[in-house]
Every structure is written in structure tokens, then in C-alpha cells.
Protein backbone atom coordinates (compact mmCIF):
# COMPACT_ATOMS: atom_id res chain seq x y z
CA MET A 1 -20.82 -29.82 -25.54
CA SER A 2 -19.42 -27.30 -23.07
CA ASN A 3 -20.00 -26.66 -19.40
CA GLU A 4 -20.11 -23.26 -17.78
CA ILE A 5 -18.60 -22.45 -14.43
CA HIS A 6 -20.00 -19.38 -12.67
CA LYS A 7 -18.07 -17.94 -9.76
CA VAL A 8 -18.21 -14.40 -8.43
CA GLY A 9 -19.66 -12.95 -11.60
CA LEU A 10 -17.21 -14.73 -13.93
CA SER A 11 -18.27 -17.16 -16.61
CA VAL A 12 -15.75 -19.62 -17.99
CA LYS A 13 -16.56 -22.18 -20.68
CA THR A 14 -14.74 -25.49 -20.57
CA SER A 15 -14.79 -28.53 -22.80
CA ALA A 16 -14.51 -31.01 -19.92
CA PRO A 17 -16.85 -31.39 -16.96
CA ALA A 18 -15.83 -29.27 -14.00
CA VAL A 19 -14.58 -31.19 -10.99
CA VAL A 20 -14.43 -29.20 -7.79
CA LEU A 21 -12.96 -30.90 -4.76
CA PRO A 22 -13.84 -29.70 -1.28
CA SER A 23 -10.98 -27.86 0.38
CA SER A 24 -10.62 -30.69 2.91
CA HIS A 25 -9.27 -32.92 0.10
CA ASN A 26 -6.32 -30.69 -0.75
CA HIS A 27 -4.00 -32.60 1.57
CA ALA A 28 -3.94 -35.98 3.16
CA GLU A 29 -5.73 -36.28 6.44
CA LYS A 30 -3.49 -35.21 9.31
CA PRO A 31 -2.37 -38.29 11.29
CA GLU A 32 -3.49 -38.80 14.85
CA LYS A 33 -1.17 -37.56 17.58
CA PHE A 34 1.54 -40.03 18.57
CA ASN A 35 1.00 -41.25 22.11
CA GLY A 36 3.78 -43.86 22.32
CA ILE A 37 1.94 -46.76 20.66
CA ASP A 38 2.65 -48.18 17.17
CA PHE A 39 5.48 -45.82 16.28
CA LYS A 40 6.19 -47.27 12.81
CA ARG A 41 2.61 -46.72 11.59
CA TRP A 42 2.53 -43.16 12.99
CA GLN A 43 5.95 -42.45 11.44
CA GLN A 44 4.83 -43.62 7.99
CA LYS A 45 1.55 -41.66 8.13
CA THR A 46 3.38 -38.55 9.31
CA LEU A 47 5.97 -38.83 6.54
CA PHE A 48 3.18 -39.20 3.98
CA TYR A 49 1.37 -36.16 5.41
CA ILE A 50 4.52 -34.03 5.42
CA THR A 51 5.23 -35.16 1.84
CA THR A 52 1.77 -34.03 0.70
CA LEU A 53 2.54 -30.63 2.22
CA ASN A 54 5.78 -30.55 0.18
CA LEU A 55 7.91 -30.38 3.33
CA ALA A 56 9.65 -33.80 3.30
CA HIS A 57 12.86 -32.33 1.83
CA ILE A 58 13.42 -30.55 5.15
CA LEU A 59 13.88 -33.91 6.89
CA LYS A 60 17.03 -34.51 4.81
CA ALA A 61 18.40 -30.98 4.45
CA ASP A 62 20.75 -29.13 6.75
CA PRO A 63 19.94 -25.56 7.75
CA LEU A 64 21.01 -22.91 5.27
CA ALA A 65 23.37 -20.31 6.58
CA PRO A 66 22.09 -16.79 6.01
CA GLY A 67 24.17 -14.96 3.44
CA ASP A 68 24.78 -11.42 2.35
CA THR A 69 22.80 -11.41 -0.87
CA THR A 70 19.06 -11.03 -1.14
CA GLU A 71 18.87 -14.45 -2.80
CA THR A 72 20.66 -16.30 0.02
CA VAL A 73 18.69 -14.45 2.69
CA ALA A 74 15.43 -15.38 0.95
CA ALA A 75 16.53 -19.03 0.60
CA SER A 76 17.48 -19.16 4.28
CA ASP A 77 14.17 -17.59 5.31
CA ALA A 78 12.24 -20.07 3.15
CA TRP A 79 14.15 -23.00 4.67
CA ASN A 80 13.50 -21.71 8.20
CA GLN A 81 9.79 -21.33 7.47
CA SER A 82 9.54 -24.84 6.01
CA ASP A 83 11.47 -26.29 8.95
CA PHE A 84 9.16 -24.51 11.41
CA LEU A 85 6.09 -25.93 9.66
CA CYS A 86 7.58 -29.40 9.51
CA ARG A 87 8.50 -29.42 13.21
CA ASN A 88 5.03 -28.28 14.21
CA TYR A 89 3.10 -30.68 11.95
CA ASN A 90 4.75 -33.53 13.84
CA GLY A 91 1.60 -34.69 15.65
CA LEU A 92 3.16 -35.55 18.98
CA SER A 93 0.97 -35.88 22.05
CA ASP A 94 1.21 -32.94 24.44
CA ALA A 95 3.47 -34.84 26.86
CA LEU A 96 5.88 -35.86 24.07
CA TYR A 97 5.77 -32.40 22.50
CA ASN A 98 6.98 -30.89 25.78
CA VAL A 99 9.95 -33.28 25.75
CA TYR A 100 10.93 -32.84 22.09
CA SER A 101 10.02 -29.18 21.38
CA PRO A 102 13.50 -27.87 22.32
CA ILE A 103 15.04 -29.77 19.37
CA GLN A 104 16.14 -27.15 16.87
CA THR A 105 15.42 -28.75 13.47
CA ALA A 106 12.92 -31.17 11.96
CA LYS A 107 15.82 -33.31 10.74
CA ALA A 108 17.15 -33.66 14.30
CA LEU A 109 13.64 -34.33 15.61
């Protein structure tokens, strides 16, 4: 028995039932903002969230120095983008964000 999936005029036949998850289930739920209470729980939830976004490696890595080749420039740009995302997914309360936002890397944060 086959199922048909219709989307934007396309018809695809599959042998298994189609499972479509809502887009809200693509990543773990973002942790609440840290307000100074129960740091260890917030830290663990934030690490899990950053891991689901495939950004946890940034917490261990040092910044890449930009190089002369296209490959090293691209790698450095990718690292900088991942670090930027990681630093800004931190979930700090507004007061704590103002204190810690000057820190340059997610690893240092």
C-alpha cells in the first residue's frame, strides 16, 4: 500500500506513511532567559539548545585566523557566523546581557 504526498502541484508516492512535524519541533525549545536563579539548570538547558542548533563546537574552539586562500577565508567567516549565533542564543536577561555583551567569543562568555 502506498501513500501520496501532494505539495505545490507535486505528487510523490512513498511506501511508508508520511510524517510531517510542525516547524516548531525542528529544534529544542529555547530555554528561558537566565535571571540569576538556578544557574546549573539554565546552563544545561542552554547547552542542550545550542547543541541542537549544531553550535556547541564553538564553545570549545578558538577563533580561526583569516587566511589568504578562499578556503581559509570561508572557514573563518563560517566560524565567526557560528560564534555570533552562539553568543546571541545565550538567553541572558537584559540586565545580564548588558554586562556580558562586550565579551568577544562564545567560548569566553
